[in-house]
N, C-alpha and C. Protein backbone atom coordinates (compact mmCIF):
# COMPACT_ATOMS: atom_id res chain seq x y z
N MET A 1 55.08 33.00 52.10
CA MET A 1 53.56 32.24 51.90
C MET A 1 53.64 31.04 50.48
N LEU A 2 54.30 31.72 49.86
CA LEU A 2 54.94 30.22 49.07
C LEU A 2 55.55 29.55 49.16
N GLU A 3 56.92 30.25 50.14
CA GLU A 3 57.81 28.80 50.60
C GLU A 3 57.38 27.75 51.22
N TRP A 4 56.33 28.43 52.08
CA TRP A 4 55.51 27.68 53.31
C TRP A 4 54.65 26.65 52.64
N ALA A 5 54.18 26.73 51.15
CA ALA A 5 53.47 25.64 50.64
C ALA A 5 54.18 25.27 50.21
N LEU A 6 55.46 25.16 49.53
CA LEU A 6 56.32 24.51 48.67
C LEU A 6 56.72 23.34 50.07
N LYS A 7 57.46 23.83 50.82
CA LYS A 7 57.82 22.85 52.00
C LYS A 7 56.58 22.12 52.79
N TRP A 8 55.35 22.50 52.56
CA TRP A 8 54.35 21.79 52.93
C TRP A 8 53.73 20.60 52.40
N MET A 9 54.00 21.26 50.83
CA MET A 9 54.23 20.05 49.55
C MET A 9 54.63 18.88 49.79
N ARG A 10 56.51 19.88 50.14
CA ARG A 10 56.80 18.44 49.60
C ARG A 10 57.03 17.31 50.72
N ALA A 11 57.01 18.22 52.22
CA ALA A 11 56.70 16.87 53.78
C ALA A 11 55.26 16.05 52.70
N ASN A 12 54.62 16.23 52.62
CA ASN A 12 53.35 15.86 52.27
C ASN A 12 53.09 15.60 50.82
N TRP A 13 53.93 15.27 49.77
CA TRP A 13 52.97 14.95 48.92
C TRP A 13 52.46 14.59 48.29
N VAL A 14 51.98 13.45 49.31
CA VAL A 14 50.95 12.80 48.76
C VAL A 14 49.35 13.12 49.01
N LEU A 15 49.55 13.52 50.26
CA LEU A 15 48.07 14.52 50.48
C LEU A 15 47.98 15.41 49.82
N ALA A 16 48.57 16.42 49.32
CA ALA A 16 49.25 17.44 48.42
C ALA A 16 48.38 16.93 46.95
N GLY A 17 49.03 15.90 46.23
CA GLY A 17 48.59 15.16 45.16
C GLY A 17 47.45 14.86 45.01
N TRP A 18 46.20 14.24 46.17
CA TRP A 18 45.07 13.89 45.91
C TRP A 18 44.28 15.22 46.90
N LEU A 19 44.77 16.24 46.65
CA LEU A 19 44.19 17.65 46.92
C LEU A 19 44.30 17.84 45.62
N VAL A 20 45.13 18.28 44.38
CA VAL A 20 45.73 18.22 43.42
C VAL A 20 43.98 17.81 42.17
N LEU A 21 44.40 16.45 43.05
CA LEU A 21 43.14 15.75 42.02
C LEU A 21 42.07 16.31 42.59
N GLY A 22 41.68 16.12 43.35
CA GLY A 22 40.38 16.48 43.93
C GLY A 22 39.52 18.01 43.28
N LEU A 23 40.40 18.77 43.29
CA LEU A 23 40.57 20.09 42.58
C LEU A 23 39.94 20.50 41.23
N GLY A 24 40.87 19.11 40.72
CA GLY A 24 40.84 19.25 38.99
C GLY A 24 39.38 18.71 38.91
N LEU A 25 39.18 17.49 39.32
CA LEU A 25 37.91 16.55 39.23
C LEU A 25 36.74 18.05 39.86
N SER A 26 36.67 18.20 40.58
CA SER A 26 36.17 19.31 41.23
C SER A 26 35.82 20.33 39.66
N LEU A 27 36.88 20.99 39.47
CA LEU A 27 36.51 22.13 38.10
C LEU A 27 35.94 21.56 36.74
N GLY A 28 36.57 20.08 36.83
CA GLY A 28 36.11 19.02 35.34
C GLY A 28 34.79 18.98 35.41
N GLY A 29 34.42 18.42 36.58
CA GLY A 29 32.90 18.35 36.81
C GLY A 29 32.17 19.99 36.78
N ALA A 30 32.57 20.39 37.47
CA ALA A 30 32.16 21.52 37.06
C ALA A 30 31.57 22.28 35.99
N TRP A 31 32.88 22.09 35.36
CA TRP A 31 32.75 22.67 33.60
C TRP A 31 31.55 21.47 32.79
N TRP A 32 31.94 20.33 32.97
CA TRP A 32 30.85 19.30 32.30
C TRP A 32 29.57 20.08 32.28
N MET A 33 28.80 20.16 33.36
CA MET A 33 27.25 20.25 34.04
C MET A 33 27.24 21.63 33.44
N TRP A 34 28.05 22.84 33.35
CA TRP A 34 27.73 24.50 33.01
C TRP A 34 27.68 23.88 31.31
N ARG A 35 28.72 23.16 30.67
CA ARG A 35 28.51 22.99 29.48
C ARG A 35 26.71 21.91 28.91
N ASP A 36 26.35 21.33 30.19
CA ASP A 36 25.10 20.56 29.29
C ASP A 36 24.44 21.81 29.74
N LEU A 37 24.37 22.78 30.72
CA LEU A 37 23.18 23.61 30.70
C LEU A 37 23.28 24.56 29.62
N ASN A 38 24.30 24.60 29.57
CA ASN A 38 24.14 25.42 27.92
C ASN A 38 24.26 25.10 25.98
N THR A 39 24.29 23.76 26.36
CA THR A 39 23.98 22.89 25.31
C THR A 39 22.52 22.94 25.29
N THR A 40 21.99 23.22 23.33
CA THR A 40 20.56 23.11 23.13
C THR A 40 20.53 21.57 22.47
N GLN A 41 19.96 20.84 23.20
CA GLN A 41 19.32 19.62 22.43
C GLN A 41 18.84 19.45 21.35
N VAL A 42 19.06 18.94 20.18
CA VAL A 42 17.78 18.90 19.31
C VAL A 42 17.71 17.30 18.70
N GLU A 43 16.55 17.14 18.91
CA GLU A 43 15.98 15.97 18.78
C GLU A 43 15.15 15.83 17.29
N ILE A 44 15.73 15.21 16.27
CA ILE A 44 14.92 14.86 15.36
C ILE A 44 13.89 14.29 14.92
N ILE A 45 12.61 14.34 14.64
CA ILE A 45 11.47 13.35 14.87
C ILE A 45 11.24 13.66 13.06
N GLU A 46 11.27 11.85 12.15
CA GLU A 46 10.42 12.39 11.21
C GLU A 46 8.74 12.45 11.18
N ALA A 47 8.54 13.52 10.81
CA ALA A 47 6.67 13.70 10.78
C ALA A 47 6.59 13.87 9.87
N ASP A 48 5.57 12.83 9.66
CA ASP A 48 4.45 12.89 8.06
C ASP A 48 4.29 14.04 7.72
N ASP A 49 4.37 13.67 6.02
CA ASP A 49 4.41 15.23 5.57
C ASP A 49 2.33 15.86 5.62
N GLY A 50 1.97 14.52 5.70
CA GLY A 50 0.47 15.51 6.26
C GLY A 50 -0.04 15.29 4.55
N LEU A 51 1.00 14.66 3.18
CA LEU A 51 0.55 15.03 2.22
C LEU A 51 -0.58 13.61 1.95
N GLY A 52 -0.25 12.52 2.70
CA GLY A 52 -1.03 11.61 2.29
C GLY A 52 -0.81 10.40 0.80
N THR A 53 -1.18 9.99 0.22
CA THR A 53 -1.22 8.81 -1.02
C THR A 53 -1.89 8.82 -1.96
N GLU A 54 -1.08 9.51 -3.04
CA GLU A 54 -1.70 9.17 -4.36
C GLU A 54 -2.78 8.92 -4.30
N ILE A 55 -4.13 9.53 -4.90
CA ILE A 55 -5.24 9.04 -5.47
C ILE A 55 -5.45 9.63 -6.66
N TRP A 56 -6.83 9.51 -7.03
CA TRP A 56 -7.06 9.99 -8.62
C TRP A 56 -8.21 9.78 -8.64
N VAL A 57 -8.54 11.23 -9.92
CA VAL A 57 -9.81 11.30 -9.44
C VAL A 57 -10.41 11.76 -10.65
N ASP A 58 -11.62 11.44 -11.29
CA ASP A 58 -12.24 12.05 -12.89
C ASP A 58 -13.26 13.38 -12.49
N VAL A 59 -13.02 13.90 -13.11
CA VAL A 59 -13.89 15.49 -12.72
C VAL A 59 -14.00 16.28 -13.64
N GLN A 60 -16.05 15.41 -14.49
CA GLN A 60 -16.35 15.77 -15.69
C GLN A 60 -17.11 16.53 -15.41
N GLY A 61 -17.68 17.28 -16.52
CA GLY A 61 -19.07 18.02 -16.43
C GLY A 61 -18.76 19.41 -16.72
N GLY A 62 -19.81 20.32 -16.04
CA GLY A 62 -19.34 21.96 -15.74
C GLY A 62 -18.61 22.42 -15.14
N VAL A 63 -17.23 22.03 -16.08
CA VAL A 63 -16.33 22.51 -14.89
C VAL A 63 -15.02 23.08 -16.02
N VAL A 64 -14.07 24.05 -16.20
CA VAL A 64 -13.14 24.77 -17.00
C VAL A 64 -12.60 23.41 -17.65
N ARG A 65 -11.65 22.82 -17.13
CA ARG A 65 -10.59 21.71 -17.60
C ARG A 65 -11.24 20.26 -16.81
N PRO A 66 -11.88 19.15 -17.54
CA PRO A 66 -12.83 18.17 -17.14
C PRO A 66 -10.86 17.38 -17.93
N GLY A 67 -11.25 16.01 -17.06
CA GLY A 67 -9.94 15.08 -17.00
C GLY A 67 -9.80 14.23 -15.51
N VAL A 68 -8.60 13.97 -15.88
CA VAL A 68 -8.09 12.80 -14.42
C VAL A 68 -7.08 13.55 -13.41
N TYR A 69 -7.26 13.39 -12.53
CA TYR A 69 -5.99 14.40 -11.37
C TYR A 69 -5.99 13.49 -10.83
N SER A 70 -4.80 14.09 -10.09
CA SER A 70 -4.34 13.11 -8.91
C SER A 70 -3.99 14.31 -7.28
N LEU A 71 -4.90 14.11 -6.40
CA LEU A 71 -4.84 14.42 -5.95
C LEU A 71 -4.23 13.72 -4.33
N ARG A 72 -4.20 14.13 -3.23
CA ARG A 72 -4.09 13.28 -2.21
C ARG A 72 -5.07 12.87 -1.18
N GLU A 73 -5.04 11.58 -0.55
CA GLU A 73 -5.81 11.36 0.14
C GLU A 73 -6.22 12.42 1.77
N GLY A 74 -7.47 12.19 1.16
CA GLY A 74 -7.93 12.89 2.87
C GLY A 74 -8.43 14.72 2.08
N ASP A 75 -7.95 14.60 0.77
CA ASP A 75 -8.47 15.51 -0.43
C ASP A 75 -9.79 16.04 -0.34
N ARG A 76 -10.79 16.79 -0.21
CA ARG A 76 -11.95 17.01 -0.42
C ARG A 76 -12.66 17.46 -1.92
N VAL A 77 -14.02 17.33 -1.89
CA VAL A 77 -14.37 17.78 -3.30
C VAL A 77 -13.57 19.30 -3.98
N LYS A 78 -14.13 20.16 -3.22
CA LYS A 78 -13.49 21.43 -3.26
C LYS A 78 -12.04 21.40 -4.16
N ASP A 79 -11.23 20.37 -3.43
CA ASP A 79 -9.88 20.76 -4.08
C ASP A 79 -10.24 19.87 -5.73
N ALA A 80 -11.17 19.12 -5.59
CA ALA A 80 -11.04 18.16 -6.97
C ALA A 80 -11.50 19.53 -7.81
N LEU A 81 -12.67 20.44 -7.29
CA LEU A 81 -12.77 21.55 -8.23
C LEU A 81 -12.07 22.26 -8.59
N ILE A 82 -10.76 22.84 -7.72
CA ILE A 82 -9.44 23.59 -8.05
C ILE A 82 -8.84 23.33 -8.94
N ALA A 83 -8.68 21.59 -8.83
CA ALA A 83 -7.49 21.23 -9.86
C ALA A 83 -8.40 21.08 -11.35
N ALA A 84 -9.97 20.81 -11.20
CA ALA A 84 -10.10 21.12 -12.58
C ALA A 84 -10.21 22.62 -12.80
N GLY A 85 -9.75 23.24 -12.55
CA GLY A 85 -10.00 24.81 -13.12
C GLY A 85 -11.21 25.30 -12.39
N GLY A 86 -11.91 24.93 -11.44
CA GLY A 86 -13.16 25.49 -10.97
C GLY A 86 -13.97 25.24 -11.75
N LEU A 87 -15.50 26.00 -11.40
CA LEU A 87 -16.86 25.70 -12.10
C LEU A 87 -16.99 26.31 -13.16
N GLY A 88 -17.23 26.08 -14.56
CA GLY A 88 -16.83 26.19 -15.73
C GLY A 88 -18.28 27.86 -16.09
N GLY A 89 -18.82 28.03 -17.21
CA GLY A 89 -20.12 28.86 -17.78
C GLY A 89 -20.82 28.17 -17.18
N GLN A 90 -20.79 26.54 -18.33
CA GLN A 90 -22.01 26.16 -18.25
C GLN A 90 -22.86 25.40 -16.83
N ALA A 91 -22.01 25.27 -16.01
CA ALA A 91 -21.92 25.13 -14.76
C ALA A 91 -23.45 25.47 -14.00
N ASP A 92 -24.47 24.16 -13.56
CA ASP A 92 -25.65 24.62 -12.61
C ASP A 92 -25.49 24.64 -11.21
N ARG A 93 -24.97 26.03 -11.60
CA ARG A 93 -24.63 26.46 -9.81
C ARG A 93 -25.04 26.05 -8.67
N GLU A 94 -26.70 26.52 -9.22
CA GLU A 94 -27.51 25.66 -8.32
C GLU A 94 -28.12 24.59 -7.61
N ALA A 95 -27.35 23.30 -9.04
CA ALA A 95 -27.49 22.08 -8.79
C ALA A 95 -26.60 21.79 -7.45
N VAL A 96 -24.82 22.40 -7.78
CA VAL A 96 -24.02 22.41 -7.07
C VAL A 96 -24.43 22.48 -6.08
N ALA A 97 -24.81 24.01 -5.40
CA ALA A 97 -25.10 24.47 -4.56
C ALA A 97 -26.06 22.91 -3.29
N LYS A 98 -27.04 22.96 -4.25
CA LYS A 98 -28.03 22.14 -3.51
C LYS A 98 -27.28 20.33 -3.13
N TYR A 99 -26.68 19.91 -4.35
CA TYR A 99 -26.33 18.47 -4.01
C TYR A 99 -25.34 18.28 -4.02
N ILE A 100 -24.07 18.46 -4.32
CA ILE A 100 -22.32 18.24 -4.13
C ILE A 100 -21.81 18.50 -2.70
N ASN A 101 -21.57 17.78 -2.49
CA ASN A 101 -20.96 18.47 -0.86
C ASN A 101 -19.61 18.34 -0.67
N LEU A 102 -19.15 19.77 -1.32
CA LEU A 102 -17.99 20.36 -1.57
C LEU A 102 -16.90 20.31 -0.33
N ALA A 103 -17.13 19.96 0.76
CA ALA A 103 -16.45 19.44 2.05
C ALA A 103 -16.29 17.30 2.54
N GLU A 104 -16.86 17.13 0.92
CA GLU A 104 -16.92 15.69 1.16
C GLU A 104 -15.48 15.09 0.86
N LYS A 105 -14.86 13.75 2.03
CA LYS A 105 -13.69 13.56 1.68
C LYS A 105 -13.56 12.88 0.47
N ILE A 106 -12.70 13.03 -0.80
CA ILE A 106 -12.68 12.29 -1.74
C ILE A 106 -11.81 10.45 -1.90
N LYS A 107 -12.70 9.47 -2.36
CA LYS A 107 -11.94 8.07 -2.76
C LYS A 107 -10.78 8.53 -3.78
N ASP A 108 -9.76 7.41 -3.97
CA ASP A 108 -9.48 7.16 -5.03
C ASP A 108 -10.75 6.09 -5.80
N GLY A 109 -10.19 6.88 -7.55
CA GLY A 109 -11.09 6.12 -8.11
C GLY A 109 -12.07 6.77 -7.99
N THR A 110 -12.34 8.26 -7.90
CA THR A 110 -14.41 8.64 -7.47
C THR A 110 -13.70 10.03 -9.22
N LYS A 111 -15.18 9.03 -9.36
CA LYS A 111 -15.84 10.14 -10.73
C LYS A 111 -16.96 11.34 -10.22
N LEU A 112 -16.24 12.94 -10.10
CA LEU A 112 -17.17 13.33 -9.69
C LEU A 112 -18.02 14.22 -11.08
N TYR A 113 -19.00 14.15 -11.02
CA TYR A 113 -19.84 15.08 -11.95
C TYR A 113 -20.59 16.37 -11.78
N ILE A 114 -20.09 17.55 -12.42
CA ILE A 114 -20.94 18.33 -11.70
C ILE A 114 -22.04 18.79 -12.90
N PRO A 115 -23.06 18.97 -12.80
CA PRO A 115 -24.07 19.33 -13.46
C PRO A 115 -24.00 20.38 -14.59
N VAL A 116 -24.48 19.97 -15.65
CA VAL A 116 -24.61 21.61 -16.56
C VAL A 116 -25.92 21.73 -16.94
N LEU A 117 -25.58 23.12 -16.67
CA LEU A 117 -26.98 24.00 -16.88
C LEU A 117 -28.10 23.58 -18.08
N GLY A 118 -29.62 22.92 -17.81
CA GLY A 118 -30.59 22.38 -18.61
C GLY A 118 -30.34 20.79 -19.47
N GLU A 119 -29.96 19.82 -18.26
CA GLU A 119 -29.74 18.69 -17.77
C GLU A 119 -30.71 18.18 -17.08
N SER A 120 -31.01 18.87 -16.50
CA SER A 120 -32.61 18.38 -15.61
C SER A 120 -33.97 19.07 -16.42
N GLU A 121 -34.15 19.79 -17.20
CA GLU A 121 -35.23 19.23 -18.34
C GLU A 121 -35.14 18.50 -19.20
N GLN A 122 -36.34 18.89 -19.92
CA GLN A 122 -36.84 17.80 -21.02
C GLN A 122 -36.08 17.62 -21.88
N GLU A 123 -34.82 16.68 -22.59
CA GLU A 123 -34.45 16.79 -23.54
C GLU A 123 -35.31 16.31 -24.92
N ASN A 124 -35.39 16.85 -26.06
CA ASN A 124 -35.14 16.07 -27.65
C ASN A 124 -34.93 15.14 -27.51
N ARG A 125 -35.66 14.17 -28.08
CA ARG A 125 -35.15 12.52 -28.65
C ARG A 125 -34.86 12.76 -29.85
N GLU A 126 -33.89 11.76 -30.46
CA GLU A 126 -33.56 12.43 -32.10
C GLU A 126 -34.31 12.08 -32.73
N ASP A 127 -35.10 11.42 -32.58
CA ASP A 127 -36.71 11.22 -33.60
C ASP A 127 -37.24 12.87 -33.51
N GLY A 128 -37.37 14.04 -32.40
CA GLY A 128 -37.98 15.03 -32.20
C GLY A 128 -38.82 14.93 -31.53
N GLN A 129 -39.24 13.60 -30.66
CA GLN A 129 -40.44 13.63 -29.62
C GLN A 129 -39.98 14.03 -28.44
N VAL A 130 -40.17 15.02 -27.92
CA VAL A 130 -40.06 15.10 -26.55
C VAL A 130 -40.21 14.14 -25.08
N GLN A 131 -39.10 13.74 -24.58
CA GLN A 131 -39.06 12.84 -23.24
C GLN A 131 -39.64 13.32 -22.15
N GLY A 132 -40.49 12.11 -22.33
CA GLY A 132 -41.20 12.40 -21.19
C GLY A 132 -41.00 11.86 -19.42
N LEU A 133 -41.63 11.92 -18.65
CA LEU A 133 -40.82 11.83 -17.70
C LEU A 133 -41.06 9.83 -16.96
N SER A 134 -42.32 9.26 -17.70
CA SER A 134 -42.12 8.20 -17.52
C SER A 134 -41.06 7.43 -17.99
N ASP A 135 -39.94 7.85 -19.09
CA ASP A 135 -39.15 6.91 -19.68
C ASP A 135 -37.38 8.02 -19.33
N ARG A 136 -37.88 8.88 -18.62
CA ARG A 136 -37.04 9.18 -17.97
C ARG A 136 -36.14 8.51 -16.57
N ARG A 137 -34.64 8.91 -17.04
CA ARG A 137 -33.73 7.97 -15.73
C ARG A 137 -33.67 9.05 -14.14
N VAL A 138 -33.80 8.44 -12.99
CA VAL A 138 -33.42 9.69 -11.83
C VAL A 138 -32.83 9.52 -11.67
N ASN A 139 -31.65 11.28 -11.38
CA ASN A 139 -30.69 10.70 -11.39
C ASN A 139 -30.39 10.59 -9.73
N ILE A 140 -29.65 9.68 -8.93
CA ILE A 140 -29.64 9.65 -7.98
C ILE A 140 -29.06 10.67 -6.96
N ASN A 141 -28.46 11.10 -7.92
CA ASN A 141 -27.07 12.44 -7.25
C ASN A 141 -27.98 13.59 -7.24
N THR A 142 -28.94 14.02 -7.97
CA THR A 142 -29.48 15.46 -7.72
C THR A 142 -30.96 15.13 -7.82
N ALA A 143 -31.53 14.18 -7.57
CA ALA A 143 -33.46 13.87 -7.73
C ALA A 143 -33.77 14.78 -5.91
N THR A 144 -34.90 15.07 -6.20
CA THR A 144 -35.44 15.76 -5.20
C THR A 144 -36.04 14.09 -4.37
N LYS A 145 -36.66 14.58 -2.77
CA LYS A 145 -37.13 13.12 -2.31
C LYS A 145 -38.16 12.96 -2.83
N SER A 146 -38.89 13.86 -3.82
CA SER A 146 -40.19 13.47 -4.09
C SER A 146 -39.96 13.08 -5.64
N GLU A 147 -38.97 13.34 -6.02
CA GLU A 147 -38.36 12.00 -7.18
C GLU A 147 -38.37 10.79 -6.79
N LEU A 148 -37.45 10.88 -5.89
CA LEU A 148 -36.32 9.51 -5.53
C LEU A 148 -38.30 8.82 -5.00
N ASP A 149 -39.01 9.37 -4.33
CA ASP A 149 -40.41 9.26 -3.84
C ASP A 149 -41.26 8.23 -4.66
N GLN A 150 -41.01 8.40 -6.27
CA GLN A 150 -41.90 7.80 -6.93
C GLN A 150 -41.36 6.67 -7.48
N LEU A 151 -39.72 6.18 -7.07
CA LEU A 151 -39.61 4.83 -7.77
C LEU A 151 -39.96 4.02 -6.80
N TRP A 152 -40.35 2.59 -7.66
CA TRP A 152 -41.16 1.27 -7.00
C TRP A 152 -39.92 1.18 -5.26
N GLY A 153 -40.13 1.22 -4.52
CA GLY A 153 -40.15 0.21 -3.55
C GLY A 153 -39.36 1.48 -2.37
N VAL A 154 -39.26 2.99 -3.35
CA VAL A 154 -38.11 4.07 -2.48
C VAL A 154 -39.91 4.91 -1.55
N GLY A 155 -40.15 4.75 -0.36
CA GLY A 155 -40.74 5.87 0.17
C GLY A 155 -39.62 6.87 0.49
N GLU A 156 -40.04 7.97 1.74
CA GLU A 156 -39.96 8.50 1.96
C GLU A 156 -38.22 8.71 2.83
N ALA A 157 -38.52 7.62 3.60
CA ALA A 157 -37.31 6.89 4.81
C ALA A 157 -36.21 6.76 3.62
N ARG A 158 -36.59 5.82 2.51
CA ARG A 158 -35.47 5.16 2.11
C ARG A 158 -34.60 6.58 0.14
N ALA A 159 -35.89 7.23 0.33
CA ALA A 159 -35.30 8.43 -0.34
C ALA A 159 -34.48 9.08 0.74
N GLU A 160 -34.79 9.31 2.17
CA GLU A 160 -33.84 10.42 2.78
C GLU A 160 -32.53 9.56 2.81
N MET A 161 -32.46 8.46 3.01
CA MET A 161 -31.59 7.29 3.23
C MET A 161 -30.98 7.94 1.60
N ILE A 162 -31.50 7.81 0.31
CA ILE A 162 -29.82 7.65 -0.52
C ILE A 162 -29.62 9.42 -0.18
N ILE A 163 -30.26 10.27 -0.14
CA ILE A 163 -29.57 11.53 -0.26
C ILE A 163 -29.31 12.02 0.62
N GLU A 164 -29.18 11.34 1.49
CA GLU A 164 -27.64 11.30 3.00
C GLU A 164 -26.42 10.51 2.22
N GLY A 165 -26.44 9.80 1.21
CA GLY A 165 -25.43 8.91 0.82
C GLY A 165 -24.51 9.17 -0.05
N ARG A 166 -25.11 10.45 -0.90
CA ARG A 166 -24.81 11.11 -1.78
C ARG A 166 -23.30 11.56 -1.74
N PRO A 167 -22.67 11.72 -2.59
CA PRO A 167 -22.90 12.01 -4.33
C PRO A 167 -22.24 9.84 -4.31
N TYR A 168 -23.00 9.56 -5.64
CA TYR A 168 -22.66 7.80 -6.26
C TYR A 168 -21.82 8.09 -7.28
N GLN A 169 -20.87 7.12 -6.96
CA GLN A 169 -20.09 7.37 -8.52
C GLN A 169 -21.20 6.09 -9.13
N THR A 170 -21.46 5.17 -8.71
CA THR A 170 -22.16 4.29 -9.65
C THR A 170 -23.44 4.03 -9.14
N ILE A 171 -24.44 3.44 -10.10
CA ILE A 171 -25.47 3.36 -9.55
C ILE A 171 -25.50 2.05 -8.44
N ASP A 172 -24.32 1.21 -8.42
CA ASP A 172 -24.25 0.01 -8.11
C ASP A 172 -24.29 0.41 -6.67
N GLU A 173 -23.58 2.11 -6.26
CA GLU A 173 -23.79 2.09 -4.86
C GLU A 173 -25.02 2.50 -3.64
N VAL A 174 -25.82 3.12 -4.70
CA VAL A 174 -27.10 2.53 -4.05
C VAL A 174 -27.39 1.44 -2.60
N LYS A 175 -26.79 0.10 -3.86
CA LYS A 175 -27.36 -0.84 -3.16
C LYS A 175 -26.95 -0.75 -1.46
N LYS A 176 -26.17 -0.09 -0.73
CA LYS A 176 -25.64 0.62 0.22
C LYS A 176 -26.82 0.96 1.05
N VAL A 177 -28.10 1.88 0.43
CA VAL A 177 -29.27 1.82 1.20
C VAL A 177 -30.08 1.45 1.09
N LEU A 178 -30.52 0.96 -0.08
CA LEU A 178 -31.41 0.05 -0.54
C LEU A 178 -31.23 -1.26 -0.53
N PRO A 179 -32.25 -2.70 -0.25
CA PRO A 179 -32.58 -3.78 -0.09
C PRO A 179 -32.57 -4.31 -1.79
N SER A 180 -31.39 -5.56 -1.84
CA SER A 180 -31.58 -5.85 -3.26
C SER A 180 -32.84 -5.65 -4.22
N ASN A 181 -34.25 -6.15 -3.71
CA ASN A 181 -34.79 -6.51 -4.43
C ASN A 181 -35.52 -5.73 -5.13
N VAL A 182 -35.48 -4.09 -4.12
CA VAL A 182 -35.84 -3.07 -4.38
C VAL A 182 -34.80 -2.20 -5.74
N TYR A 183 -33.47 -2.75 -5.58
CA TYR A 183 -32.32 -2.03 -6.63
C TYR A 183 -32.59 -2.79 -8.11
N GLU A 184 -33.06 -4.19 -7.34
CA GLU A 184 -33.43 -4.69 -9.34
C GLU A 184 -34.62 -4.59 -9.75
N GLN A 185 -35.19 -3.92 -8.94
CA GLN A 185 -36.74 -3.41 -9.48
C GLN A 185 -36.12 -1.81 -10.63
N ILE A 186 -35.70 -0.93 -9.34
CA ILE A 186 -35.06 0.43 -10.66
C ILE A 186 -33.56 0.53 -11.02
N LYS A 187 -32.82 -0.29 -10.68
CA LYS A 187 -31.56 -0.30 -11.66
C LYS A 187 -31.97 0.26 -12.93
N ASP A 188 -32.90 -0.01 -14.06
CA ASP A 188 -32.69 0.33 -14.93
C ASP A 188 -33.37 2.01 -15.34
N MET A 189 -33.96 2.11 -14.04
CA MET A 189 -34.34 3.55 -13.83
C MET A 189 -34.10 5.03 -13.43
N ILE A 190 -31.94 4.77 -12.93
CA ILE A 190 -31.38 5.59 -12.26
C ILE A 190 -30.56 5.56 -12.78
N THR A 191 -29.73 6.78 -12.10
CA THR A 191 -28.47 7.03 -13.10
C THR A 191 -28.00 7.77 -11.82
N VAL A 192 -26.31 8.03 -12.25
CA VAL A 192 -25.53 9.02 -11.72
C VAL A 192 -24.85 10.53 -12.60
N TYR A 193 -25.66 10.29 -13.72
CA TYR A 193 -25.51 11.86 -14.56
C TYR A 193 -26.13 12.39 -14.88
């Protein structure tokens, strides 16, 4: 049989060359396709690390370690409290629960003040006189709706808008919810601390 194949190839050498070439190409193509099926393709995608840009937050009041902390854009009030060591022993936990939204996102340059026990009570002046309600400023971050309602030009609806806009870092931020004439009348009667 081998002799017959050799005789045939000598007589038909051109045809035999084409057959060998065809067989080689077929085997090479089969190997190439098999190689692609067994190759794991890895696509490298540069993902955002999710950390965001750096922001700075000033945390003061009833926390363990008051100070300025570096956080990431998208962090929440609770993250700022964690950075400051959590609520301190002097923190007014009831006021925190009522007026501070721990889930709120923090912006760069935010000042976060945690109320301390006794701040909302009447304090003695240096001259020994008890400070009355008429000469106390209203904290727009902690005041109740009825306390805000007592301010000039602030009714129940505006008091509700002030509460919804909390927390305020400066008293100027309340301008977003109040007309300018109302703000001008009450700006010396309000505080954020």
